[in-house]
PDB file of N, CA and C in Angstrom:
ATOM      1  N   MET A   1     -25.796  26.617   1.444  1.00  0.00           N
ATOM      2  CA  MET A   1     -26.101  25.286   0.977  1.00  0.00           C
ATOM      3  C   MET A   1     -24.871  24.743   0.243  1.00  0.00           C
ATOM      4  N   ASP A   2     -24.366  23.628   0.739  1.00  0.00           N
ATOM      5  CA  ASP A   2     -23.180  23.065   0.119  1.00  0.00           C
ATOM      6  C   ASP A   2     -23.563  22.011  -0.916  1.00  0.00           C
ATOM      7  N   LEU A   3     -22.581  21.426  -1.516  1.00  0.00           N
ATOM      8  CA  LEU A   3     -22.786  20.470  -2.599  1.00  0.00           C
ATOM      9  C   LEU A   3     -23.535  19.232  -2.126  1.00  0.00           C
ATOM     10  N   GLN A   4     -23.241  18.756  -0.930  1.00  0.00           N
ATOM     11  CA  GLN A   4     -23.913  17.568  -0.400  1.00  0.00           C
ATOM     12  C   GLN A   4     -25.411  17.797  -0.275  1.00  0.00           C
ATOM     13  N   ASP A   5     -25.802  18.959   0.216  1.00  0.00           N
ATOM     14  CA  ASP A   5     -27.223  19.275   0.352  1.00  0.00           C
ATOM     15  C   ASP A   5     -27.899  19.355  -1.011  1.00  0.00           C
ATOM     16  N   GLN A   6     -27.232  19.944  -1.985  1.00  0.00           N
ATOM     17  CA  GLN A   6     -27.798  20.045  -3.323  1.00  0.00           C
ATOM     18  C   GLN A   6     -27.995  18.660  -3.944  1.00  0.00           C
ATOM     19  N   LEU A   7     -27.015  17.777  -3.726  1.00  0.00           N
ATOM     20  CA  LEU A   7     -27.128  16.423  -4.263  1.00  0.00           C
ATOM     21  C   LEU A   7     -28.247  15.642  -3.584  1.00  0.00           C
ATOM     22  N   LYS A   8     -28.443  15.858  -2.273  1.00  0.00           N
ATOM     23  CA  LYS A   8     -29.531  15.181  -1.561  1.00  0.00           C
ATOM     24  C   LYS A   8     -30.891  15.623  -2.090  1.00  0.00           C
ATOM     25  N   LYS A   9     -31.017  16.902  -2.466  1.00  0.00           N
ATOM     26  CA  LYS A   9     -32.281  17.380  -3.027  1.00  0.00           C
ATOM     27  C   LYS A   9     -32.526  16.793  -4.417  1.00  0.00           C
ATOM     28  N   LEU A  10     -31.470  16.668  -5.205  1.00  0.00           N
ATOM     29  CA  LEU A  10     -31.621  16.118  -6.545  1.00  0.00           C
ATOM     30  C   LEU A  10     -31.884  14.610  -6.538  1.00  0.00           C
ATOM     31  N   PHE A  11     -31.183  13.891  -5.627  1.00  0.00           N
ATOM     32  CA  PHE A  11     -31.280  12.439  -5.560  1.00  0.00           C
ATOM     33  C   PHE A  11     -31.607  12.022  -4.125  1.00  0.00           C
ATOM     34  N   PRO A  12     -32.880  12.120  -3.714  1.00  0.00           N
ATOM     35  CA  PRO A  12     -33.214  11.836  -2.315  1.00  0.00           C
ATOM     36  C   PRO A  12     -33.051  10.366  -1.923  1.00  0.00           C
ATOM     37  N   ASP A  13     -33.146   9.442  -2.878  1.00  0.00           N
ATOM     38  CA  ASP A  13     -33.057   8.016  -2.552  1.00  0.00           C
ATOM     39  C   ASP A  13     -31.634   7.488  -2.523  1.00  0.00           C
ATOM     40  N   HIS A  14     -30.682   8.271  -2.983  1.00  0.00           N
ATOM     41  CA  HIS A  14     -29.295   7.804  -3.095  1.00  0.00           C
ATOM     42  C   HIS A  14     -28.604   7.810  -1.730  1.00  0.00           C
ATOM     43  N   GLU A  15     -27.955   6.704  -1.410  1.00  0.00           N
ATOM     44  CA  GLU A  15     -27.139   6.594  -0.200  1.00  0.00           C
ATOM     45  C   GLU A  15     -25.677   6.712  -0.609  1.00  0.00           C
ATOM     46  N   PRO A  16     -24.956   7.744  -0.151  1.00  0.00           N
ATOM     47  CA  PRO A  16     -23.545   7.866  -0.539  1.00  0.00           C
ATOM     48  C   PRO A  16     -22.707   6.768   0.100  1.00  0.00           C
ATOM     49  N   GLU A  17     -21.668   6.348  -0.652  1.00  0.00           N
ATOM     50  CA  GLU A  17     -20.764   5.323  -0.130  1.00  0.00           C
ATOM     51  C   GLU A  17     -19.899   5.924   0.960  1.00  0.00           C
ATOM     52  N   LYS A  18     -19.656   5.123   1.982  1.00  0.00           N
ATOM     53  CA  LYS A  18     -18.803   5.593   3.069  1.00  0.00           C
ATOM     54  C   LYS A  18     -17.353   5.380   2.696  1.00  0.00           C
ATOM     55  N   THR A  19     -16.537   6.370   2.975  1.00  0.00           N
ATOM     56  CA  THR A  19     -15.109   6.253   2.699  1.00  0.00           C
ATOM     57  C   THR A  19     -14.416   5.612   3.886  1.00  0.00           C
ATOM     58  N   MET A  20     -13.125   5.359   3.739  1.00  0.00           N
ATOM     59  CA  MET A  20     -12.371   4.705   4.812  1.00  0.00           C
ATOM     60  C   MET A  20     -12.363   5.570   6.065  1.00  0.00           C
ATOM     61  N   ASN A  21     -12.299   6.883   5.923  1.00  0.00           N
ATOM     62  CA  ASN A  21     -12.267   7.766   7.089  1.00  0.00           C
ATOM     63  C   ASN A  21     -13.580   7.747   7.841  1.00  0.00           C
ATOM     64  N   GLU A  22     -14.705   7.607   7.134  1.00  0.00           N
ATOM     65  CA  GLU A  22     -15.998   7.578   7.790  1.00  0.00           C
ATOM     66  C   GLU A  22     -16.206   6.268   8.527  1.00  0.00           C
ATOM     67  N   ASN A  23     -15.683   5.172   7.980  1.00  0.00           N
ATOM     68  CA  ASN A  23     -15.842   3.876   8.622  1.00  0.00           C
ATOM     69  C   ASN A  23     -14.897   3.707   9.803  1.00  0.00           C
ATOM     70  N   ASN A  24     -13.820   4.470   9.839  1.00  0.00           N
ATOM     71  CA  ASN A  24     -12.777   4.350  10.852  1.00  0.00           C
ATOM     72  C   ASN A  24     -12.186   2.947  10.898  1.00  0.00           C
ATOM     73  N   SER A  25     -12.170   2.269   9.767  1.00  0.00           N
ATOM     74  CA  SER A  25     -11.563   0.947   9.716  1.00  0.00           C
ATOM     75  C   SER A  25     -10.293   1.024   8.884  1.00  0.00           C
ATOM     76  N   LYS A  26      -9.252   0.430   9.386  1.00  0.00           N
ATOM     77  CA  LYS A  26      -7.985   0.417   8.665  1.00  0.00           C
ATOM     78  C   LYS A  26      -7.801  -0.899   7.926  1.00  0.00           C
ATOM     79  N   LYS A  27      -8.896  -1.645   7.729  1.00  0.00           N
ATOM     80  CA  LYS A  27      -8.795  -2.920   7.048  1.00  0.00           C
ATOM     81  C   LYS A  27      -8.412  -2.699   5.593  1.00  0.00           C
ATOM     82  N   PRO A  28      -7.307  -3.255   5.147  1.00  0.00           N
ATOM     83  CA  PRO A  28      -6.939  -3.102   3.742  1.00  0.00           C
ATOM     84  C   PRO A  28      -7.824  -3.991   2.875  1.00  0.00           C
ATOM     85  N   ASP A  29      -7.927  -3.651   1.623  1.00  0.00           N
ATOM     86  CA  ASP A  29      -8.729  -4.453   0.718  1.00  0.00           C
ATOM     87  C   ASP A  29      -7.865  -5.419  -0.092  1.00  0.00           C
ATOM     88  N   PHE A  30      -6.737  -5.806   0.459  1.00  0.00           N
ATOM     89  CA  PHE A  30      -5.908  -6.822  -0.162  1.00  0.00           C
ATOM     90  C   PHE A  30      -5.588  -7.895   0.862  1.00  0.00           C
ATOM     91  N   TRP A  31      -5.047  -9.016   0.367  1.00  0.00           N
ATOM     92  CA  TRP A  31      -4.848 -10.188   1.200  1.00  0.00           C
ATOM     93  C   TRP A  31      -3.672 -10.004   2.158  1.00  0.00           C
ATOM     94  N   LEU A  32      -3.899 -10.325   3.444  1.00  0.00           N
ATOM     95  CA  LEU A  32      -2.836 -10.305   4.443  1.00  0.00           C
ATOM     96  C   LEU A  32      -2.332 -11.723   4.626  1.00  0.00           C
ATOM     97  N   GLN A  33      -1.045 -11.858   4.784  1.00  0.00           N
ATOM     98  CA  GLN A  33      -0.459 -13.183   4.951  1.00  0.00           C
ATOM     99  C   GLN A  33       0.217 -13.296   6.302  1.00  0.00           C
ATOM    100  N   ASP A  34       0.443 -14.532   6.732  1.00  0.00           N
ATOM    101  CA  ASP A  34       1.089 -14.770   8.024  1.00  0.00           C
ATOM    102  C   ASP A  34       2.607 -14.706   7.926  1.00  0.00           C
ATOM    103  N   ALA A  35       3.160 -15.169   6.821  1.00  0.00           N
ATOM    104  CA  ALA A  35       4.617 -15.170   6.651  1.00  0.00           C
ATOM    105  C   ALA A  35       5.121 -13.732   6.498  1.00  0.00           C
ATOM    106  N   PRO A  36       6.305 -13.447   7.034  1.00  0.00           N
ATOM    107  CA  PRO A  36       6.812 -12.066   6.938  1.00  0.00           C
ATOM    108  C   PRO A  36       7.233 -11.688   5.518  1.00  0.00           C
ATOM    109  N   ILE A  37       7.110 -10.413   5.224  1.00  0.00           N
ATOM    110  CA  ILE A  37       7.592  -9.873   3.961  1.00  0.00           C
ATOM    111  C   ILE A  37       9.031  -9.427   4.168  1.00  0.00           C
ATOM    112  N   LEU A  38       9.932  -9.862   3.299  1.00  0.00           N
ATOM    113  CA  LEU A  38      11.343  -9.526   3.418  1.00  0.00           C
ATOM    114  C   LEU A  38      11.602  -8.173   2.775  1.00  0.00           C
ATOM    115  N   CYS A  39      12.275  -7.309   3.500  1.00  0.00           N
ATOM    116  CA  CYS A  39      12.540  -5.947   3.047  1.00  0.00           C
ATOM    117  C   CYS A  39      14.050  -5.805   2.842  1.00  0.00           C
ATOM    118  N   LYS A  40      14.478  -5.678   1.570  1.00  0.00           N
ATOM    119  CA  LYS A  40      15.902  -5.611   1.234  1.00  0.00           C
ATOM    120  C   LYS A  40      16.244  -4.260   0.622  1.00  0.00           C
ATOM    121  N   TYR A  41      17.521  -3.931   0.681  1.00  0.00           N
ATOM    122  CA  TYR A  41      18.043  -2.721   0.055  1.00  0.00           C
ATOM    123  C   TYR A  41      19.131  -3.131  -0.915  1.00  0.00           C
ATOM    124  N   GLU A  42      19.046  -2.633  -2.146  1.00  0.00           N
ATOM    125  CA  GLU A  42      20.067  -2.909  -3.155  1.00  0.00           C
ATOM    126  C   GLU A  42      20.352  -1.641  -3.940  1.00  0.00           C
ATOM    127  N   LYS A  43      21.437  -1.683  -4.680  1.00  0.00           N
ATOM    128  CA  LYS A  43      21.717  -0.635  -5.649  1.00  0.00           C
ATOM    129  C   LYS A  43      21.662  -1.276  -7.018  1.00  0.00           C
ATOM    130  N   ARG A  44      20.849  -0.695  -7.874  1.00  0.00           N
ATOM    131  CA  ARG A  44      20.730  -1.178  -9.242  1.00  0.00           C
ATOM    132  C   ARG A  44      21.102  -0.047 -10.179  1.00  0.00           C
ATOM    133  N   LYS A  45      22.118  -0.297 -10.975  1.00  0.00           N
ATOM    134  CA  LYS A  45      22.657   0.721 -11.886  1.00  0.00           C
ATOM    135  C   LYS A  45      23.037   1.983 -11.120  1.00  0.00           C
ATOM    136  N   GLY A  46      23.555   1.813  -9.922  1.00  0.00           N
ATOM    137  CA  GLY A  46      24.020   2.927  -9.106  1.00  0.00           C
ATOM    138  C   GLY A  46      22.934   3.647  -8.338  1.00  0.00           C
ATOM    139  N   LYS A  47      21.692   3.214  -8.468  1.00  0.00           N
ATOM    140  CA  LYS A  47      20.591   3.893  -7.781  1.00  0.00           C
ATOM    141  C   LYS A  47      20.030   3.001  -6.684  1.00  0.00           C
ATOM    142  N   PRO A  48      19.672   3.593  -5.520  1.00  0.00           N
ATOM    143  CA  PRO A  48      19.143   2.782  -4.414  1.00  0.00           C
ATOM    144  C   PRO A  48      17.714   2.317  -4.690  1.00  0.00           C
ATOM    145  N   VAL A  49      17.449   1.047  -4.348  1.00  0.00           N
ATOM    146  CA  VAL A  49      16.134   0.442  -4.553  1.00  0.00           C
ATOM    147  C   VAL A  49      15.800  -0.389  -3.322  1.00  0.00           C
ATOM    148  N   THR A  50      14.559  -0.320  -2.859  1.00  0.00           N
ATOM    149  CA  THR A  50      14.082  -1.173  -1.784  1.00  0.00           C
ATOM    150  C   THR A  50      13.244  -2.281  -2.405  1.00  0.00           C
ATOM    151  N   LEU A  51      13.559  -3.531  -2.064  1.00  0.00           N
ATOM    152  CA  LEU A  51      12.858  -4.692  -2.607  1.00  0.00           C
ATOM    153  C   LEU A  51      12.010  -5.329  -1.518  1.00  0.00           C
ATOM    154  N   LEU A  52      10.788  -5.678  -1.870  1.00  0.00           N
ATOM    155  CA  LEU A  52       9.901  -6.405  -0.957  1.00  0.00           C
ATOM    156  C   LEU A  52       9.630  -7.768  -1.568  1.00  0.00           C
ATOM    157  N   GLU A  53      10.079  -8.813  -0.882  1.00  0.00           N
ATOM    158  CA  GLU A  53       9.912 -10.176  -1.380  1.00  0.00           C
ATOM    159  C   GLU A  53       9.103 -10.985  -0.379  1.00  0.00           C
ATOM    160  N   GLY A  54       8.463 -12.022  -0.880  1.00  0.00           N
ATOM    161  CA  GLY A  54       7.771 -12.944  -0.002  1.00  0.00           C
ATOM    162  C   GLY A  54       6.275 -12.716   0.098  1.00  0.00           C
ATOM    163  N   TYR A  55       5.735 -11.726  -0.603  1.00  0.00           N
ATOM    164  CA  TYR A  55       4.292 -11.521  -0.582  1.00  0.00           C
ATOM    165  C   TYR A  55       3.664 -12.483  -1.571  1.00  0.00           C
ATOM    166  N   THR A  56       2.623 -13.194  -1.159  1.00  0.00           N
ATOM    167  CA  THR A  56       2.052 -14.250  -1.989  1.00  0.00           C
ATOM    168  C   THR A  56       0.627 -13.952  -2.414  1.00  0.00           C
ATOM    169  N   GLY A  57       0.264 -12.696  -2.512  1.00  0.00           N
ATOM    170  CA  GLY A  57      -1.086 -12.332  -2.932  1.00  0.00           C
ATOM    171  C   GLY A  57      -1.263 -12.463  -4.439  1.00  0.00           C
ATOM    172  N   ALA A  58      -2.484 -12.185  -4.894  1.00  0.00           N
ATOM    173  CA  ALA A  58      -2.795 -12.218  -6.318  1.00  0.00           C
ATOM    174  C   ALA A  58      -2.216 -10.982  -7.003  1.00  0.00           C
ATOM    175  N   THR A  59      -2.278 -10.973  -8.318  1.00  0.00           N
ATOM    176  CA  THR A  59      -1.737  -9.848  -9.085  1.00  0.00           C
ATOM    177  C   THR A  59      -2.432  -8.544  -8.714  1.00  0.00           C
ATOM    178  N   GLU A  60      -3.739  -8.589  -8.516  1.00  0.00           N
ATOM    179  CA  GLU A  60      -4.476  -7.389  -8.119  1.00  0.00           C
ATOM    180  C   GLU A  60      -4.018  -6.892  -6.751  1.00  0.00           C
ATOM    181  N   ASP A  61      -3.726  -7.813  -5.844  1.00  0.00           N
ATOM    182  CA  ASP A  61      -3.234  -7.428  -4.524  1.00  0.00           C
ATOM    183  C   ASP A  61      -1.869  -6.764  -4.620  1.00  0.00           C
ATOM    184  N   PHE A  62      -1.006  -7.288  -5.500  1.00  0.00           N
ATOM    185  CA  PHE A  62       0.298  -6.661  -5.723  1.00  0.00           C
ATOM    186  C   PHE A  62       0.119  -5.232  -6.218  1.00  0.00           C
ATOM    187  N   LYS A  63      -0.803  -5.029  -7.162  1.00  0.00           N
ATOM    188  CA  LYS A  63      -1.033  -3.697  -7.709  1.00  0.00           C
ATOM    189  C   LYS A  63      -1.519  -2.738  -6.622  1.00  0.00           C
ATOM    190  N   LYS A  64      -2.448  -3.204  -5.798  1.00  0.00           N
ATOM    191  CA  LYS A  64      -3.000  -2.342  -4.743  1.00  0.00           C
ATOM    192  C   LYS A  64      -1.943  -2.000  -3.705  1.00  0.00           C
ATOM    193  N   LEU A  65      -1.171  -3.000  -3.276  1.00  0.00           N
ATOM    194  CA  LEU A  65      -0.145  -2.769  -2.267  1.00  0.00           C
ATOM    195  C   LEU A  65       0.958  -1.865  -2.804  1.00  0.00           C
ATOM    196  N   THR A  66       1.390  -2.098  -4.042  1.00  0.00           N
ATOM    197  CA  THR A  66       2.421  -1.259  -4.653  1.00  0.00           C
ATOM    198  C   THR A  66       1.934   0.172  -4.795  1.00  0.00           C
ATOM    199  N   GLY A  67       0.721   0.346  -5.261  1.00  0.00           N
ATOM    200  CA  GLY A  67       0.157   1.691  -5.405  1.00  0.00           C
ATOM    201  C   GLY A  67       0.036   2.405  -4.077  1.00  0.00           C
ATOM    202  N   LEU A  68      -0.379   1.687  -3.041  1.00  0.00           N
ATOM    203  CA  LEU A  68      -0.501   2.288  -1.711  1.00  0.00           C
ATOM    204  C   LEU A  68       0.852   2.747  -1.192  1.00  0.00           C
ATOM    205  N   LEU A  69       1.870   1.904  -1.327  1.00  0.00           N
ATOM    206  CA  LEU A  69       3.207   2.271  -0.858  1.00  0.00           C
ATOM    207  C   LEU A  69       3.768   3.445  -1.639  1.00  0.00           C
ATOM    208  N   LYS A  70       3.578   3.444  -2.956  1.00  0.00           N
ATOM    209  CA  LYS A  70       4.084   4.543  -3.778  1.00  0.00           C
ATOM    210  C   LYS A  70       3.404   5.855  -3.412  1.00  0.00           C
ATOM    211  N   ASN A  71       2.098   5.812  -3.160  1.00  0.00           N
ATOM    212  CA  ASN A  71       1.380   7.033  -2.800  1.00  0.00           C
ATOM    213  C   ASN A  71       1.778   7.544  -1.424  1.00  0.00           C
ATOM    214  N   LYS A  72       1.899   6.656  -0.455  1.00  0.00           N
ATOM    215  CA  LYS A  72       2.251   7.072   0.903  1.00  0.00           C
ATOM    216  C   LYS A  72       3.666   7.637   0.973  1.00  0.00           C
ATOM    217  N   LEU A  73       4.586   7.017   0.227  1.00  0.00           N
ATOM    218  CA  LEU A  73       5.987   7.444   0.265  1.00  0.00           C
ATOM    219  C   LEU A  73       6.296   8.527  -0.764  1.00  0.00           C
ATOM    220  N   GLN A  74       5.400   8.731  -1.709  1.00  0.00           N
ATOM    221  CA  GLN A  74       5.576   9.706  -2.791  1.00  0.00           C
ATOM    222  C   GLN A  74       6.856   9.443  -3.584  1.00  0.00           C
ATOM    223  N   VAL A  75       7.013   8.183  -3.969  1.00  0.00           N
ATOM    224  CA  VAL A  75       8.155   7.768  -4.787  1.00  0.00           C
ATOM    225  C   VAL A  75       7.639   6.882  -5.919  1.00  0.00           C
ATOM    226  N   GLY A  76       8.524   6.533  -6.831  1.00  0.00           N
ATOM    227  CA  GLY A  76       8.179   5.631  -7.912  1.00  0.00           C
ATOM    228  C   GLY A  76       8.419   4.195  -7.512  1.00  0.00           C
ATOM    229  N   GLY A  77       7.927   3.297  -8.320  1.00  0.00           N
ATOM    230  CA  GLY A  77       8.135   1.886  -8.049  1.00  0.00           C
ATOM    231  C   GLY A  77       7.307   1.037  -8.989  1.00  0.00           C
ATOM    232  N   SER A  78       7.460  -0.282  -8.854  1.00  0.00           N
ATOM    233  CA  SER A  78       6.706  -1.213  -9.682  1.00  0.00           C
ATOM    234  C   SER A  78       6.755  -2.583  -9.027  1.00  0.00           C
ATOM    235  N   PHE A  79       6.071  -3.545  -9.643  1.00  0.00           N
ATOM    236  CA  PHE A  79       6.221  -4.923  -9.206  1.00  0.00           C
ATOM    237  C   PHE A  79       6.454  -5.796 -10.422  1.00  0.00           C
ATOM    238  N   LYS A  80       7.284  -6.813 -10.230  1.00  0.00           N
ATOM    239  CA  LYS A  80       7.669  -7.683 -11.333  1.00  0.00           C
ATOM    240  C   LYS A  80       8.136  -9.002 -10.736  1.00  0.00           C
ATOM    241  N   ASN A  81       7.659 -10.097 -11.274  1.00  0.00           N
ATOM    242  CA  ASN A  81       8.076 -11.429 -10.825  1.00  0.00           C
ATOM    243  C   ASN A  81       7.897 -11.610  -9.319  1.00  0.00           C
ATOM    244  N   ASP A  82       6.765 -11.203  -8.777  1.00  0.00           N
ATOM    245  CA  ASP A  82       6.429 -11.329  -7.353  1.00  0.00           C
ATOM    246  C   ASP A  82       7.383 -10.567  -6.441  1.00  0.00           C
ATOM    247  N   ILE A  83       8.005  -9.509  -6.935  1.00  0.00           N
ATOM    248  CA  ILE A  83       8.870  -8.638  -6.140  1.00  0.00           C
ATOM    249  C   ILE A  83       8.393  -7.210  -6.337  1.00  0.00           C
ATOM    250  N   ILE A  84       8.205  -6.493  -5.236  1.00  0.00           N
ATOM    251  CA  ILE A  84       7.810  -5.092  -5.309  1.00  0.00           C
ATOM    252  C   ILE A  84       9.070  -4.242  -5.211  1.00  0.00           C
ATOM    253  N   LEU A  85       9.275  -3.350  -6.180  1.00  0.00           N
ATOM    254  CA  LEU A  85      10.430  -2.455  -6.208  1.00  0.00           C
ATOM    255  C   LEU A  85       9.969  -1.046  -5.871  1.00  0.00           C
ATOM    256  N   ILE A  86      10.602  -0.429  -4.879  1.00  0.00           N
ATOM    257  CA  ILE A  86      10.308   0.948  -4.506  1.00  0.00           C
ATOM    258  C   ILE A  86      11.606   1.735  -4.625  1.00  0.00           C
ATOM    259  N   GLN A  87      11.554   2.879  -5.288  1.00  0.00           N
ATOM    260  CA  GLN A  87      12.761   3.676  -5.492  1.00  0.00           C
ATOM    261  C   GLN A  87      13.234   4.281  -4.172  1.00  0.00           C
ATOM    262  N   GLY A  88      14.538   4.268  -3.972  1.00  0.00           N
ATOM    263  CA  GLY A  88      15.137   4.881  -2.789  1.00  0.00           C
ATOM    264  C   GLY A  88      15.296   3.902  -1.643  1.00  0.00           C
ATOM    265  N   ASN A  89      16.011   4.330  -0.626  1.00  0.00           N
ATOM    266  CA  ASN A  89      16.214   3.522   0.575  1.00  0.00           C
ATOM    267  C   ASN A  89      15.136   3.923   1.590  1.00  0.00           C
ATOM    268  N   ASN A  90      14.001   3.266   1.522  1.00  0.00           N
ATOM    269  CA  ASN A  90      12.863   3.588   2.374  1.00  0.00           C
ATOM    270  C   ASN A  90      12.464   2.413   3.249  1.00  0.00           C
ATOM    271  N   ARG A  91      13.424   1.579   3.630  1.00  0.00           N
ATOM    272  CA  ARG A  91      13.081   0.366   4.376  1.00  0.00           C
ATOM    273  C   ARG A  91      12.346   0.654   5.665  1.00  0.00           C
ATOM    274  N   ASP A  92      12.814   1.619   6.446  1.00  0.00           N
ATOM    275  CA  ASP A  92      12.191   1.890   7.741  1.00  0.00           C
ATOM    276  C   ASP A  92      10.752   2.361   7.576  1.00  0.00           C
ATOM    277  N   ARG A  93      10.534   3.286   6.651  1.00  0.00           N
ATOM    278  CA  ARG A  93       9.183   3.812   6.439  1.00  0.00           C
ATOM    279  C   ARG A  93       8.251   2.743   5.875  1.00  0.00           C
ATOM    280  N   ILE A  94       8.763   1.907   4.977  1.00  0.00           N
ATOM    281  CA  ILE A  94       7.946   0.838   4.399  1.00  0.00           C
ATOM    282  C   ILE A  94       7.573  -0.171   5.473  1.00  0.00           C
ATOM    283  N   MET A  95       8.527  -0.520   6.321  1.00  0.00           N
ATOM    284  CA  MET A  95       8.243  -1.485   7.378  1.00  0.00           C
ATOM    285  C   MET A  95       7.196  -0.937   8.354  1.00  0.00           C
ATOM    286  N   GLU A  96       7.244   0.344   8.670  1.00  0.00           N
ATOM    287  CA  GLU A  96       6.237   0.954   9.538  1.00  0.00           C
ATOM    288  C   GLU A  96       4.857   0.902   8.891  1.00  0.00           C
ATOM    289  N   LEU A  97       4.789   1.253   7.601  1.00  0.00           N
ATOM    290  CA  LEU A  97       3.505   1.229   6.899  1.00  0.00           C
ATOM    291  C   LEU A  97       2.928  -0.182   6.840  1.00  0.00           C
ATOM    292  N   LEU A  98       3.770  -1.166   6.560  1.00  0.00           N
ATOM    293  CA  LEU A  98       3.291  -2.542   6.479  1.00  0.00           C
ATOM    294  C   LEU A  98       2.812  -3.044   7.838  1.00  0.00           C
ATOM    295  N   LYS A  99       3.487  -2.646   8.916  1.00  0.00           N
ATOM    296  CA  LYS A  99       3.042  -3.048  10.253  1.00  0.00           C
ATOM    297  C   LYS A  99       1.699  -2.415  10.599  1.00  0.00           C
ATOM    298  N   GLU A 100       1.489  -1.157  10.178  1.00  0.00           N
ATOM    299  CA  GLU A 100       0.199  -0.508  10.400  1.00  0.00           C
ATOM    300  C   GLU A 100      -0.921  -1.224   9.659  1.00  0.00           C
ATOM    301  N   LEU A 101      -0.602  -1.790   8.486  1.00  0.00           N
ATOM    302  CA  LEU A 101      -1.597  -2.508   7.698  1.00  0.00           C
ATOM    303  C   LEU A 101      -1.851  -3.918   8.211  1.00  0.00           C
ATOM    304  N   GLY A 102      -0.975  -4.416   9.085  1.00  0.00           N
ATOM    305  CA  GLY A 102      -1.176  -5.738   9.661  1.00  0.00           C
ATOM    306  C   GLY A 102      -0.229  -6.806   9.151  1.00  0.00           C
ATOM    307  N   PHE A 103       0.751  -6.438   8.349  1.00  0.00           N
ATOM    308  CA  PHE A 103       1.739  -7.392   7.862  1.00  0.00           C
ATOM    309  C   PHE A 103       2.854  -7.561   8.880  1.00  0.00           C
ATOM    310  N   SER A 104       3.522  -8.705   8.830  1.00  0.00           N
ATOM    311  CA  SER A 104       4.755  -8.870   9.586  1.00  0.00           C
ATOM    312  C   SER A 104       5.899  -8.700   8.588  1.00  0.00           C
ATOM    313  N   THR A 105       6.964  -8.029   9.025  1.00  0.00           N
ATOM    314  CA  THR A 105       8.076  -7.748   8.122  1.00  0.00           C
ATOM    315  C   THR A 105       9.378  -8.233   8.736  1.00  0.00           C
ATOM    316  N   LYS A 106      10.360  -8.428   7.873  1.00  0.00           N
ATOM    317  CA  LYS A 106      11.676  -8.849   8.317  1.00  0.00           C
ATOM    318  C   LYS A 106      12.701  -8.072   7.515  1.00  0.00           C
ATOM    319  N   ARG A 107      13.613  -7.418   8.212  1.00  0.00           N
ATOM    320  CA  ARG A 107      14.652  -6.622   7.563  1.00  0.00           C
ATOM    321  C   ARG A 107      15.812  -7.551   7.177  1.00  0.00           C
ATOM    322  N   VAL A 108      16.240  -7.477   5.920  1.00  0.00           N
ATOM    323  CA  VAL A 108      17.310  -8.321   5.425  1.00  0.00           C
ATOM    324  C   VAL A 108      18.467  -7.419   5.017  1.00  0.00           C
ATOM    325  N   GLY A 109      19.663  -7.757   5.444  1.00  0.00           N
ATOM    326  CA  GLY A 109      20.840  -6.964   5.095  1.00  0.00           C
ATOM    327  C   GLY A 109      21.138  -5.924   6.143  1.00  0.00           C
ATOM    328  N   GLY A 110      22.193  -5.112   5.919  1.00  0.00           N
ATOM    329  CA  GLY A 110      22.711  -4.133   6.825  1.00  0.00           C
ATOM    330  C   GLY A 110      21.822  -3.202   7.432  1.00  0.00           C
TER     331      GLY A 110
END
């Protein structure tokens, strides 16, 4: 008897929430826009940084998108003044992730 069975016996009326894997839907819970997100690479204080500009979602959407990118790439980052900063030169991986989520992206610079 596993944990799920024990919980069903304790709470027979409870319906567990379905996770993203159970729903098989890749719909993000943040706003998608039609305009492309610009993906830039810069060095700040000698360290490589990837900048994402052009996203026009709400502050909560910025937090969700930044957190998702940081978790998927396993790097640090933040958002400030409508710009998402991700540590390192991860433009290719970020652009792939954004395309999977349904965003259009545009690479800026070399």
